[in-house]
């Protein structure tokens, strides 16, 4: 019988024997995250990662969290490191393993807090060490312009796409932040965009350049009304069906233009984020301003761009090296 004040998850099934099952406690954890206003992307990721653990456990006749000992979790960790992906036929990257194990550790911290387990077997799991890899590709200014010129400005969709690419390049915002922009988030007079509920559910204002703003206004005046199906739709950028983009469809759109520019570069929306950051550094912007622009929680995240911004270093090298 539950004690007064016990906040354990509600039993989904009628049979009480399911109250302590992995599946039921998994559902309770996701509800707990949602009640505490975690981002839906985080909840979706935790659900996917924990489903993977639960399937692995049930294949071994493990149905309760108390049966998942540290030894079993270490076996699962080895499974993650060696199992080929169905999509790539290669084992998960260190980053993918790290994220999945972070979800597992978060779940077991929750179970301990809810008194569903007496000790936390995941507390001492050693997570993979993550390096700080450089971005694979950095667009130069001329390369970015080559991508922008791939749009067909005589069609409503081409005009929309030019406004999308210009917005990415001028602001460096994330793809999820762009697809969630509303028409009222553009402040033409001040030349800024309002990013609402960005990563970490943080709001911020970012400047947008005059050129990008001009294309954005041209799209809003000429193209968006032709794409609009419902007057109640407030999303800034609309698909051919008059609906807001998904993050995956936005990636597909941008990667198509990158490929058509034939630059020998692969990538999508983040290419413009990298291009903005390195360009600002090359022109002597303080990393703290770039941090605010990109919405990084930590300055150390922004400082990765100091390792790829070599314009000033090259200038000094040319001036001082005898060769």
Protein backbone atom coordinates (compact mmCIF):
# COMPACT_ATOMS: atom_id res chain seq x y z
CA UNK A 1 0.00 0.00 0.00
CA UNK A 2 1.35 3.41 -0.95
CA UNK A 3 2.34 5.60 1.95
CA UNK A 4 0.99 9.11 2.35
CA UNK A 5 3.00 11.51 0.24
CA UNK A 6 4.42 8.76 -1.99
CA UNK A 7 4.86 10.22 -5.50
CA UNK A 8 5.42 6.92 -7.31
CA UNK A 9 3.89 6.69 -10.82
CA UNK A 10 0.32 5.59 -11.18
CA UNK A 11 -0.28 2.03 -12.30
CA UNK A 12 -1.46 2.02 -15.90
CA UNK A 13 -2.76 -1.56 -15.88
CA UNK A 14 -5.40 -2.83 -13.52
CA UNK A 15 -3.26 -5.71 -12.26
CA UNK A 16 -1.08 -4.57 -9.33
CA UNK A 17 1.76 -6.87 -10.34
CA UNK A 18 2.53 -4.44 -13.18
CA UNK A 19 3.08 -1.50 -10.82
CA UNK A 20 6.81 -2.19 -10.54
CA UNK A 21 7.41 -3.26 -14.15
CA UNK A 22 9.95 -1.49 -16.34
CA UNK A 23 7.26 -0.38 -18.78
CA UNK A 24 5.01 1.20 -16.15
CA UNK A 25 7.87 2.97 -14.38
CA UNK A 26 9.12 4.17 -17.76
CA UNK A 27 5.73 5.80 -18.43
CA UNK A 28 5.76 7.34 -14.96
CA UNK A 29 9.21 8.84 -15.61
CA UNK A 30 8.08 10.46 -18.87
CA UNK A 31 5.02 11.90 -17.12
CA UNK A 32 7.27 13.24 -14.37
CA UNK A 33 9.48 14.95 -16.97
CA UNK A 34 6.47 16.51 -18.71
CA UNK A 35 5.04 17.75 -15.41
CA UNK A 36 8.33 19.53 -14.79
CA UNK A 37 8.21 21.28 -18.14
CA UNK A 38 11.02 19.40 -19.85
CA UNK A 39 11.23 20.04 -23.60
CA UNK A 40 9.27 17.60 -25.77
CA UNK A 41 12.46 16.85 -27.71
CA UNK A 42 14.12 15.75 -24.45
CA UNK A 43 11.13 13.61 -23.49
CA UNK A 44 11.05 12.01 -26.94
CA UNK A 45 14.78 11.23 -26.72
CA UNK A 46 14.46 9.72 -23.22
CA UNK A 47 11.50 7.61 -24.37
CA UNK A 48 13.46 6.24 -27.33
CA UNK A 49 16.58 5.53 -25.31
CA UNK A 50 14.72 3.81 -22.47
CA UNK A 51 12.59 1.77 -24.86
CA UNK A 52 15.84 0.40 -26.22
CA UNK A 53 16.99 -0.60 -22.72
CA UNK A 54 13.63 -2.16 -21.85
CA UNK A 55 13.53 -4.27 -25.04
CA UNK A 56 17.08 -5.46 -24.34
CA UNK A 57 16.16 -6.31 -20.74
CA UNK A 58 12.94 -8.14 -21.63
CA UNK A 59 14.85 -10.27 -24.14
CA UNK A 60 16.78 -11.48 -21.08
CA UNK A 61 13.60 -11.99 -18.99
CA UNK A 62 14.30 -8.89 -16.89
CA UNK A 63 11.06 -7.08 -16.09
CA UNK A 64 11.79 -5.08 -12.91
CA UNK A 65 14.32 -2.32 -12.25
CA UNK A 66 15.65 -4.15 -9.19
CA UNK A 67 16.89 -6.88 -11.55
CA UNK A 68 19.01 -4.38 -13.49
CA UNK A 69 22.20 -4.55 -11.47
CA UNK A 70 25.37 -2.63 -12.22
CA UNK A 71 26.74 -5.78 -13.88
CA UNK A 72 23.68 -5.98 -16.16
CA UNK A 73 23.90 -2.29 -17.04
CA UNK A 74 27.58 -2.74 -17.93
CA UNK A 75 26.54 -5.58 -20.24
CA UNK A 76 24.00 -3.25 -21.81
CA UNK A 77 26.73 -0.63 -22.23
CA UNK A 78 28.88 -3.17 -24.10
CA UNK A 79 25.83 -4.01 -26.21
CA UNK A 80 25.49 -0.34 -27.22
CA UNK A 81 29.17 -0.16 -28.13
CA UNK A 82 29.11 -3.23 -30.39
CA UNK A 83 25.58 -3.47 -31.85
CA UNK A 84 25.43 -2.40 -35.52
CA UNK A 85 22.89 0.30 -36.31
CA UNK A 86 20.04 -0.76 -38.59
CA UNK A 87 20.53 2.44 -40.59
CA UNK A 88 24.33 2.56 -40.96
CA UNK A 89 25.30 -1.03 -40.09
CA UNK A 90 27.97 0.48 -37.81
CA UNK A 91 28.15 0.61 -33.99
CA UNK A 92 26.80 3.73 -32.32
CA UNK A 93 29.18 6.66 -32.04
CA UNK A 94 30.62 7.60 -28.66
CA UNK A 95 28.24 10.56 -28.58
CA UNK A 96 25.21 8.35 -29.24
CA UNK A 97 26.32 5.92 -26.52
CA UNK A 98 26.88 8.85 -24.16
CA UNK A 99 23.36 10.24 -24.74
CA UNK A 100 21.69 6.86 -24.29
CA UNK A 101 23.51 6.17 -21.05
CA UNK A 102 22.68 9.67 -19.78
CA UNK A 103 19.00 8.80 -20.23
CA UNK A 104 19.52 5.55 -18.32
CA UNK A 105 21.27 7.36 -15.46
CA UNK A 106 18.54 10.01 -15.32
CA UNK A 107 15.86 7.30 -15.12
CA UNK A 108 17.59 5.47 -12.27
CA UNK A 109 18.07 8.74 -10.36
CA UNK A 110 14.32 9.23 -10.69
CA UNK A 111 13.59 5.66 -9.52
CA UNK A 112 15.78 6.16 -6.45
CA UNK A 113 14.12 9.50 -5.67
CA UNK A 114 10.70 7.83 -5.98
CA UNK A 115 11.84 4.98 -3.69
CA UNK A 116 11.25 2.39 -6.42
CA UNK A 117 14.80 1.08 -5.89
CA UNK A 118 16.99 1.02 -2.77
CA UNK A 119 20.25 1.92 -4.51
CA UNK A 120 21.23 3.29 -7.91
CA UNK A 121 23.17 0.73 -10.00
CA UNK A 122 23.71 3.30 -12.79
CA UNK A 123 25.49 5.83 -10.56
CA UNK A 124 28.94 4.36 -11.16
CA UNK A 125 28.63 3.68 -14.89
CA UNK A 126 31.61 5.19 -16.69
CA UNK A 127 30.37 7.17 -19.66
CA UNK A 128 32.37 7.32 -22.90
CA UNK A 129 34.83 10.21 -23.05
CA UNK A 130 33.75 12.78 -25.61
CA UNK A 131 36.28 14.88 -27.42
CA UNK A 132 35.63 18.27 -28.97
CA UNK A 133 35.58 17.51 -32.69
CA UNK A 134 35.79 20.37 -35.13
CA UNK A 135 32.86 20.99 -37.49
CA UNK A 136 33.36 18.82 -40.57
CA UNK A 137 32.74 21.67 -43.00
CA UNK A 138 32.82 25.45 -42.66
CA UNK A 139 31.30 27.49 -45.48
CA UNK A 140 33.25 30.50 -46.65
CA UNK A 141 31.32 33.68 -47.48
CA UNK A 142 31.54 32.93 -51.21
CA UNK A 143 30.38 29.34 -50.69
CA UNK A 144 27.43 30.49 -48.59
CA UNK A 145 26.46 32.89 -51.37
CA UNK A 146 26.71 30.03 -53.89
CA UNK A 147 24.15 28.08 -51.85
CA UNK A 148 21.85 31.11 -51.59
CA UNK A 149 21.93 31.56 -55.37
CA UNK A 150 20.48 28.09 -55.95
CA UNK A 151 16.95 29.27 -55.16
CA UNK A 152 14.44 30.02 -57.93
CA UNK A 153 13.29 33.54 -57.16
CA UNK A 154 10.49 33.44 -59.76
CA UNK A 155 8.46 30.90 -57.74
CA UNK A 156 6.76 31.38 -54.35
CA UNK A 157 8.62 28.36 -52.96
CA UNK A 158 11.97 29.59 -54.25
CA UNK A 159 11.39 33.01 -52.71
CA UNK A 160 10.46 31.34 -49.43
CA UNK A 161 13.59 29.20 -49.56
CA UNK A 162 15.81 32.24 -50.18
CA UNK A 163 14.29 33.91 -47.11
CA UNK A 164 14.92 30.73 -45.08
CA UNK A 165 18.57 30.46 -46.15
CA UNK A 166 19.19 34.17 -45.60
CA UNK A 167 17.68 33.92 -42.11
CA UNK A 168 19.89 30.95 -41.23
CA UNK A 169 23.01 32.69 -42.53
CA UNK A 170 22.29 36.05 -40.90
CA UNK A 171 21.23 34.81 -37.46
CA UNK A 172 22.84 31.38 -36.97
CA UNK A 173 19.70 30.11 -35.24
CA UNK A 174 19.04 26.39 -34.90
CA UNK A 175 16.67 24.63 -37.29
CA UNK A 176 14.12 23.97 -34.52
CA UNK A 177 14.22 27.66 -33.62
CA UNK A 178 13.61 28.65 -37.24
CA UNK A 179 10.67 26.28 -37.83
CA UNK A 180 9.05 27.57 -34.62
CA UNK A 181 9.25 31.23 -35.66
CA UNK A 182 5.91 33.02 -35.90
CA UNK A 183 5.07 36.04 -38.02
CA UNK A 184 4.93 38.20 -34.88
CA UNK A 185 8.49 37.17 -33.91
CA UNK A 186 10.00 39.45 -36.57
CA UNK A 187 10.60 43.02 -35.39
CA UNK A 188 11.34 44.90 -38.59
CA UNK A 189 11.81 48.27 -36.93
CA UNK A 190 14.45 47.02 -34.48
CA UNK A 191 15.92 44.45 -36.89
CA UNK A 192 15.66 41.49 -34.49
CA UNK A 193 14.04 38.07 -34.20
CA UNK A 194 12.44 36.81 -31.01
CA UNK A 195 13.49 33.21 -30.35
CA UNK A 196 10.91 31.74 -28.01
CA UNK A 197 11.58 28.55 -26.06
CA UNK A 198 14.92 27.83 -27.72
CA UNK A 199 17.23 25.10 -26.49
CA UNK A 200 16.82 24.73 -22.75
CA UNK A 201 13.45 26.53 -23.03
CA UNK A 202 15.22 29.88 -23.06
CA UNK A 203 13.97 32.97 -24.88
CA UNK A 204 16.38 35.39 -26.53
CA UNK A 205 16.50 38.18 -29.09
CA UNK A 206 18.93 37.96 -32.01
CA UNK A 207 19.75 40.61 -34.61
CA UNK A 208 19.04 39.94 -38.27
CA UNK A 209 20.91 41.74 -41.03
CA UNK A 210 19.35 44.20 -43.44
CA UNK A 211 19.76 41.90 -46.45
CA UNK A 212 18.12 38.95 -44.74
CA UNK A 213 15.37 41.18 -43.40
CA UNK A 214 14.68 42.49 -46.91
CA UNK A 215 14.28 38.94 -48.27
CA UNK A 216 12.15 38.03 -45.29
CA UNK A 217 9.83 40.96 -45.92
CA UNK A 218 9.63 40.15 -49.63
CA UNK A 219 8.61 36.59 -48.74
CA UNK A 220 6.02 37.79 -46.22
CA UNK A 221 4.47 40.19 -48.71
CA UNK A 222 4.58 38.14 -51.92
CA UNK A 223 4.98 34.45 -51.18
CA UNK A 224 3.51 33.62 -47.78
CA UNK A 225 -0.03 34.83 -48.67
CA UNK A 226 0.00 32.44 -51.64
CA UNK A 227 1.04 29.52 -49.42
CA UNK A 228 -1.38 30.33 -46.60
CA UNK A 229 -4.32 27.92 -46.34
CA UNK A 230 -5.78 28.81 -42.94
CA UNK A 231 -5.91 32.39 -41.73
CA UNK A 232 -5.23 31.17 -38.20
CA UNK A 233 -1.79 29.78 -39.13
CA UNK A 234 0.90 31.95 -37.52
CA UNK A 235 4.04 30.00 -38.46
CA UNK A 236 6.40 32.28 -40.34
CA UNK A 237 7.65 29.75 -42.88
CA UNK A 238 5.03 27.57 -44.55
CA UNK A 239 5.27 24.38 -46.58
CA UNK A 240 3.52 23.99 -49.94
CA UNK A 241 0.57 22.65 -47.92
CA UNK A 242 0.27 25.79 -45.82
CA UNK A 243 1.57 24.18 -42.62
CA UNK A 244 4.63 24.74 -40.47
CA UNK A 245 7.80 22.81 -41.30
CA UNK A 246 9.04 19.90 -39.24
CA UNK A 247 12.72 19.93 -38.30
CA UNK A 248 13.41 16.95 -40.57
CA UNK A 249 11.71 18.53 -43.60
CA UNK A 250 13.70 21.73 -42.99
CA UNK A 251 16.94 19.75 -42.97
CA UNK A 252 15.96 18.04 -46.21
CA UNK A 253 15.22 21.38 -47.87
CA UNK A 254 18.50 23.03 -46.88
CA UNK A 255 20.67 19.99 -47.63
CA UNK A 256 19.17 19.88 -51.13
CA UNK A 257 20.39 23.42 -51.83
CA UNK A 258 23.82 22.67 -50.35
CA UNK A 259 24.13 19.64 -52.65
CA UNK A 260 22.97 21.56 -55.73
CA UNK A 261 25.72 24.16 -55.19
CA UNK A 262 28.27 21.35 -55.85
CA UNK A 263 30.80 22.64 -53.34
CA UNK A 264 32.05 19.23 -52.26
CA UNK A 265 30.44 19.97 -48.88
CA UNK A 266 27.81 17.95 -47.05
CA UNK A 267 25.54 19.26 -44.34
CA UNK A 268 22.42 21.26 -43.77
CA UNK A 269 21.13 24.00 -41.47
CA UNK A 270 24.09 23.90 -39.05
CA UNK A 271 26.48 24.83 -41.86
CA UNK A 272 25.15 28.38 -41.72
CA UNK A 273 25.45 28.44 -37.93
CA UNK A 274 29.13 27.52 -38.24
CA UNK A 275 29.61 30.05 -41.04
CA UNK A 276 28.13 32.87 -38.98
CA UNK A 277 30.25 32.12 -35.91
CA UNK A 278 33.56 31.84 -37.77
CA UNK A 279 32.82 34.94 -39.86
CA UNK A 280 32.10 36.99 -36.73
CA UNK A 281 35.32 35.75 -35.11
CA UNK A 282 37.32 36.58 -38.24
CA UNK A 283 36.01 40.13 -37.92
CA UNK A 284 37.07 40.47 -34.27
CA UNK A 285 33.74 39.76 -32.54
CA UNK A 286 34.08 38.91 -28.85
CA UNK A 287 33.19 35.27 -28.15
CA UNK A 288 30.74 36.40 -25.47
CA UNK A 289 28.67 38.18 -28.12
CA UNK A 290 28.76 35.11 -30.34
CA UNK A 291 27.69 33.02 -27.35
CA UNK A 292 24.65 35.27 -26.88
CA UNK A 293 23.90 35.17 -30.60
CA UNK A 294 24.00 31.37 -30.80
CA UNK A 295 22.22 30.81 -27.49
CA UNK A 296 25.00 28.69 -25.98
CA UNK A 297 24.61 28.00 -22.27
CA UNK A 298 28.38 27.75 -21.82
CA UNK A 299 31.15 29.86 -23.30
CA UNK A 300 33.20 26.69 -23.75
CA UNK A 301 30.73 25.55 -26.41
CA UNK A 302 31.28 28.77 -28.35
CA UNK A 303 35.05 28.55 -28.04
CA UNK A 304 35.20 25.60 -30.43
CA UNK A 305 34.95 28.20 -33.20
CA UNK A 306 38.19 29.82 -32.08
CA UNK A 307 39.90 26.63 -33.25
CA UNK A 308 38.54 26.89 -36.80
CA UNK A 309 38.69 30.65 -37.26
CA UNK A 310 42.18 30.93 -38.72
CA UNK A 311 41.93 34.20 -40.68
CA UNK A 312 43.77 36.27 -38.05
CA UNK A 313 46.32 33.53 -37.40
CA UNK A 314 46.99 33.23 -41.13
CA UNK A 315 47.41 37.00 -41.39
CA UNK A 316 50.04 36.99 -38.64
CA UNK A 317 51.72 33.94 -40.16
CA UNK A 318 51.96 35.60 -43.59
CA UNK A 319 53.36 38.74 -42.03
CA UNK A 320 55.93 37.15 -39.75
CA UNK A 321 57.05 33.85 -41.28
CA UNK A 322 60.12 34.14 -43.54
CA UNK A 323 58.72 31.79 -46.21
